[in-house]
Amino acid sequence: MFIGVLQFAIRRARNKDQNADKKFWAREAEANNVRRKSLDDVEYVAIDFSRLPVDVLSDDEQVASFIKDLTDLSKEKIINLTGLTNTDLKMKYGVANLPYLSDCDNRFTMLIQILQKWNDYLWEKGLKKEAVRIMEYEISIGSDAPSAYRRLASYYKKQGMTEKINDLIEDVEKMNLLTGKSLITDLKSYLD
């Protein structure tokens, strides 16, 4: 009896997987036939240096390197495509725009990586307020880096700024993240 139920469950799961695969490949085939579309609704990210602590430790070689990398990157087109698949992008903008969009999104990833390294560096130097400015900026442009959210939540808790933890939770809820639920659970733990 148990074996029969188990076999039924396995068959049912296999059929669901096959249906999901069929839907995925059908949508992918459809996306591969979408012609180039306008990029007029794309929101580009412009690096706002006024929101970053560029004057702090500016004579430090490592900080100067971060600022130079950001300055170089600011001359390029940057788009945050977090939560969108290649299939989504092809459906919305056409397959011909995918390489351009991917390049712009890769630059967004580079931007977040530089900001993460910079805030880590300042944090280690004891410049927590300056590191917080970087993390807050990072989140304002749509970063999905869990470490920034967690570090900010910890900082806010120590500063008695629980309303800002709630803001972080709201930010995560608005994003389409694979790890969103677990990150929200982590952030809520800082409210205790």
Protein backbone atom coordinates (compact mmCIF):
# COMPACT_ATOMS: atom_id res chain seq x y z
CA MET A 1 0.00 0.00 0.00
CA PHE A 2 2.72 2.47 1.03
CA ILE A 3 4.76 1.72 -2.09
CA GLY A 4 1.73 2.38 -4.30
CA VAL A 5 1.12 5.75 -2.67
CA LEU A 6 4.81 6.60 -3.02
CA GLN A 7 4.84 5.64 -6.71
CA PHE A 8 1.72 7.75 -7.29
CA ALA A 9 3.35 10.75 -5.58
CA ILE A 10 6.53 10.34 -7.63
CA ARG A 11 4.57 10.11 -10.91
CA ARG A 12 2.53 13.17 -9.99
CA ALA A 13 5.65 15.19 -9.16
CA ARG A 14 7.31 14.07 -12.41
CA ASN A 15 4.25 15.17 -14.41
CA LYS A 16 4.26 18.59 -12.70
CA ASP A 17 7.95 19.00 -13.53
CA GLN A 18 7.33 18.03 -17.15
CA ASN A 19 4.46 20.52 -17.43
CA ALA A 20 6.60 23.27 -15.91
CA ASP A 21 9.40 22.42 -18.36
CA LYS A 22 6.99 22.55 -21.30
CA LYS A 23 5.65 25.94 -20.21
CA PHE A 24 9.16 27.28 -19.71
CA TRP A 25 10.39 26.15 -23.13
CA ALA A 26 7.24 27.40 -24.86
CA ARG A 27 7.69 30.84 -23.27
CA GLU A 28 11.40 30.79 -24.13
CA ALA A 29 10.62 29.95 -27.78
CA GLU A 30 8.09 32.78 -27.89
CA ALA A 31 10.63 35.20 -26.33
CA ASN A 32 13.25 34.23 -28.90
CA ASN A 33 10.92 35.49 -31.64
CA VAL A 34 10.17 38.90 -30.11
CA ARG A 35 11.53 41.73 -32.26
CA ARG A 36 13.56 44.62 -30.90
CA LYS A 37 11.41 46.98 -28.84
CA SER A 38 11.95 50.46 -27.48
CA LEU A 39 14.03 50.91 -24.35
CA ASP A 40 12.31 54.19 -23.49
CA ASP A 41 10.87 52.86 -20.23
CA VAL A 42 14.22 51.56 -18.92
CA GLU A 43 15.35 53.33 -15.75
CA TYR A 44 19.07 53.96 -15.81
CA VAL A 45 21.06 54.28 -12.59
CA ALA A 46 23.16 57.42 -12.34
CA ILE A 47 25.72 57.28 -9.55
CA ASP A 48 24.96 60.11 -7.11
CA PHE A 49 28.32 60.98 -5.59
CA SER A 50 26.68 63.59 -3.33
CA ARG A 51 25.14 60.73 -1.34
CA LEU A 52 28.47 58.98 -0.84
CA PRO A 53 31.25 59.87 1.63
CA VAL A 54 33.80 60.70 -1.08
CA ASP A 55 35.57 63.20 1.21
CA VAL A 56 36.26 60.62 3.95
CA LEU A 57 39.74 59.07 3.78
CA SER A 58 40.06 60.41 0.25
CA ASP A 59 43.86 60.31 0.58
CA ASP A 60 43.69 56.59 1.46
CA GLU A 61 44.87 54.50 -1.51
CA GLN A 62 42.05 51.94 -1.22
CA VAL A 63 39.30 54.56 -0.91
CA ALA A 64 40.78 56.47 -3.86
CA SER A 65 40.62 53.23 -5.85
CA PHE A 66 36.92 52.75 -4.98
CA ILE A 67 36.13 56.33 -6.00
CA LYS A 68 38.09 55.99 -9.26
CA ASP A 69 36.28 52.74 -10.10
CA LEU A 70 32.92 54.41 -9.42
CA THR A 71 33.89 57.45 -11.49
CA ASP A 72 34.87 55.22 -14.41
CA LEU A 73 31.67 53.22 -14.05
CA SER A 74 29.55 56.39 -13.91
CA LYS A 75 30.48 57.07 -17.56
CA GLU A 76 28.69 53.88 -18.62
CA LYS A 77 25.00 52.95 -18.87
CA ILE A 78 23.83 51.09 -15.75
CA ILE A 79 20.50 49.32 -15.27
CA ASN A 80 19.23 47.33 -12.29
CA LEU A 81 17.44 44.28 -13.68
CA THR A 82 17.24 42.40 -10.39
CA GLY A 83 14.45 39.84 -10.40
CA LEU A 84 14.08 39.67 -14.19
CA THR A 85 15.11 36.61 -16.17
CA ASN A 86 16.59 36.67 -19.65
CA THR A 87 13.26 35.35 -20.90
CA ASP A 88 11.46 38.26 -19.21
CA LEU A 89 13.85 40.72 -20.85
CA LYS A 90 13.48 39.15 -24.30
CA MET A 91 9.68 39.22 -23.99
CA LYS A 92 9.64 42.87 -22.92
CA TYR A 93 12.42 44.35 -25.07
CA GLY A 94 13.14 41.81 -27.79
CA VAL A 95 15.93 39.31 -28.18
CA ALA A 96 18.17 41.82 -30.01
CA ASN A 97 18.34 44.07 -26.91
CA LEU A 98 19.40 41.27 -24.56
CA PRO A 99 23.20 41.72 -24.93
CA TYR A 100 22.94 45.47 -24.27
CA LEU A 101 20.65 44.97 -21.28
CA SER A 102 22.91 42.23 -19.89
CA ASP A 103 25.94 44.52 -20.16
CA CYS A 104 24.08 47.31 -18.34
CA ASP A 105 22.97 44.89 -15.62
CA ASN A 106 26.52 43.55 -15.25
CA ARG A 107 27.66 47.11 -14.62
CA PHE A 108 24.98 47.39 -11.92
CA THR A 109 26.43 44.27 -10.31
CA MET A 110 29.90 45.84 -10.49
CA LEU A 111 28.51 49.01 -8.89
CA ILE A 112 27.05 47.06 -5.98
CA GLN A 113 30.28 45.09 -5.53
CA ILE A 114 32.35 48.28 -5.35
CA LEU A 115 29.92 49.84 -2.87
CA GLN A 116 30.01 46.66 -0.76
CA LYS A 117 33.81 46.62 -0.67
CA TRP A 118 33.92 50.31 0.17
CA ASN A 119 31.41 50.04 3.01
CA ASP A 120 33.23 46.95 4.35
CA TYR A 121 36.50 48.86 4.28
CA LEU A 122 35.08 51.87 6.12
CA TRP A 123 33.27 49.62 8.62
CA GLU A 124 36.55 47.85 9.44
CA LYS A 125 38.21 51.25 9.92
CA GLY A 126 35.51 52.12 12.49
CA LEU A 127 33.78 54.65 10.24
CA LYS A 128 30.36 53.16 10.71
CA LYS A 129 28.29 56.28 9.93
CA GLU A 130 30.07 56.66 6.62
CA ALA A 131 29.64 52.96 5.83
CA VAL A 132 25.93 53.31 6.65
CA ARG A 133 25.64 56.14 4.11
CA ILE A 134 27.02 53.82 1.45
CA MET A 135 24.71 50.96 2.40
CA GLU A 136 21.68 53.24 2.48
CA TYR A 137 22.58 54.50 -0.98
CA GLU A 138 23.14 50.94 -2.18
CA ILE A 139 19.66 49.93 -1.02
CA SER A 140 18.08 53.08 -2.47
CA ILE A 141 19.23 52.06 -5.95
CA GLY A 142 17.82 48.56 -5.56
CA SER A 143 20.66 46.41 -4.27
CA ASP A 144 19.67 42.87 -3.36
CA ALA A 145 22.83 42.21 -1.32
CA PRO A 146 21.59 40.60 1.93
CA SER A 147 24.73 41.60 3.83
CA ALA A 148 23.90 45.31 3.48
CA TYR A 149 20.36 44.79 4.77
CA ARG A 150 21.54 42.71 7.73
CA ARG A 151 24.36 45.06 8.67
CA LEU A 152 22.04 48.05 8.48
CA ALA A 153 19.40 46.28 10.57
CA SER A 154 22.00 45.49 13.22
CA TYR A 155 23.23 49.08 13.20
CA TYR A 156 19.71 50.49 13.37
CA LYS A 157 18.84 48.20 16.28
CA LYS A 158 21.88 49.37 18.24
CA GLN A 159 20.95 52.98 17.50
CA GLY A 160 17.31 52.42 18.55
CA MET A 161 16.07 53.17 15.04
CA THR A 162 13.58 50.31 14.65
CA GLU A 163 11.41 52.29 12.21
CA LYS A 164 14.31 52.08 9.75
CA ILE A 165 14.34 48.29 10.11
CA ASN A 166 10.68 48.31 9.10
CA ASP A 167 11.66 50.42 6.06
CA LEU A 168 14.24 47.77 5.11
CA ILE A 169 11.59 45.06 5.39
CA GLU A 170 9.27 47.07 3.12
CA ASP A 171 12.09 47.50 0.59
CA VAL A 172 12.70 43.76 0.46
CA GLU A 173 8.97 43.03 0.14
CA LYS A 174 8.83 45.24 -2.97
CA MET A 175 11.64 43.34 -4.66
CA ASN A 176 11.37 40.06 -6.52
CA LEU A 177 14.11 38.12 -4.71
CA LEU A 178 14.61 34.39 -4.46
CA THR A 179 15.89 34.86 -0.91
CA GLY A 180 13.33 37.54 -0.02
CA LYS A 181 11.35 35.53 2.52
CA SER A 182 14.39 34.40 4.48
CA LEU A 183 15.86 37.91 4.40
CA ILE A 184 12.59 39.35 5.73
CA THR A 185 12.62 36.76 8.52
CA ASP A 186 16.20 37.76 9.38
CA LEU A 187 15.34 41.46 9.38
CA LYS A 188 12.29 40.91 11.59
CA SER A 189 14.53 39.21 14.15
CA TYR A 190 16.25 42.58 14.69
CA LEU A 191 12.92 44.01 15.86
CA ASP A 192 12.86 41.72 18.92
